[in-house]
Protein backbone atom coordinates (compact mmCIF):
# COMPACT_ATOMS: atom_id res chain seq x y z
CA UNK A 1 -0.01 -0.09 -0.15
CA UNK A 2 1.50 3.45 -1.06
CA UNK A 3 0.43 6.31 1.33
CA UNK A 4 0.77 10.05 0.57
CA UNK A 5 1.74 12.75 3.11
CA UNK A 6 1.70 16.32 2.31
CA UNK A 7 3.52 19.29 4.24
CA UNK A 8 3.82 23.06 3.71
CA UNK A 9 6.79 24.94 4.20
CA UNK A 10 5.95 28.37 5.96
CA UNK A 11 6.75 31.51 4.10
CA UNK A 12 8.98 32.80 7.10
CA UNK A 13 11.34 29.87 6.50
CA UNK A 14 14.80 31.41 6.56
CA UNK A 15 17.00 31.27 3.34
CA UNK A 16 19.23 28.08 3.65
CA UNK A 17 19.98 24.60 2.49
CA UNK A 18 17.73 22.04 4.04
CA UNK A 19 17.75 18.14 4.24
CA UNK A 20 14.33 16.31 4.38
CA UNK A 21 14.58 12.84 5.57
CA UNK A 22 11.92 10.30 4.63
CA UNK A 23 11.68 6.87 6.23
CA UNK A 24 9.17 4.11 5.08
CA UNK A 25 8.76 0.70 6.46
CA UNK A 26 6.57 -2.15 5.33
CA UNK A 27 4.39 -4.72 7.10
CA UNK A 28 7.33 -7.15 7.53
CA UNK A 29 9.76 -4.36 9.21
CA UNK A 30 11.81 -3.65 5.93
CA UNK A 31 12.52 -0.16 6.26
CA UNK A 32 14.55 2.37 3.92
CA UNK A 33 15.33 5.94 4.22
CA UNK A 34 15.65 8.77 1.51
CA UNK A 35 17.07 12.15 1.51
CA UNK A 36 15.86 15.15 -0.36
CA UNK A 37 17.89 18.31 -0.33
CA UNK A 38 15.92 21.65 -0.50
CA UNK A 39 17.26 24.98 -1.10
CA UNK A 40 15.03 27.96 -0.03
CA UNK A 41 15.86 31.39 -1.57
CA UNK A 42 13.43 34.14 -0.85
CA UNK A 43 15.15 36.70 -2.70
CA UNK A 44 12.78 38.46 -4.92
CA UNK A 45 13.62 38.33 -8.76
CA UNK A 46 14.51 41.60 -10.34
CA UNK A 47 13.54 41.81 -13.94
CA UNK A 48 14.43 44.82 -16.02
CA UNK A 49 13.74 45.83 -19.53
CA UNK A 50 15.47 48.16 -21.83
CA UNK A 51 13.35 49.98 -24.61
CA UNK A 52 15.42 51.43 -27.52
CA UNK A 53 13.66 54.01 -29.45
CA UNK A 54 14.79 55.06 -32.85
CA UNK A 55 14.24 58.54 -33.95
C-alpha cells in the first residue's frame, strides 16, 4: 500500500539548504530512508527591460 503525505513550508522559513529525511517501513519491518535536499531562497526576482527608441 502506498500512502501519501503532504507538508507546507511556512513563508517565514529562512534562506538556507535543508535536508528532508523520509523513512518508510513495510508490514514485515523492512525499512528504507531517502534524503531530499532543498534550497530555500526568498530573494525576490529583479527583472529589467530596456527599450530603445529610434528617432
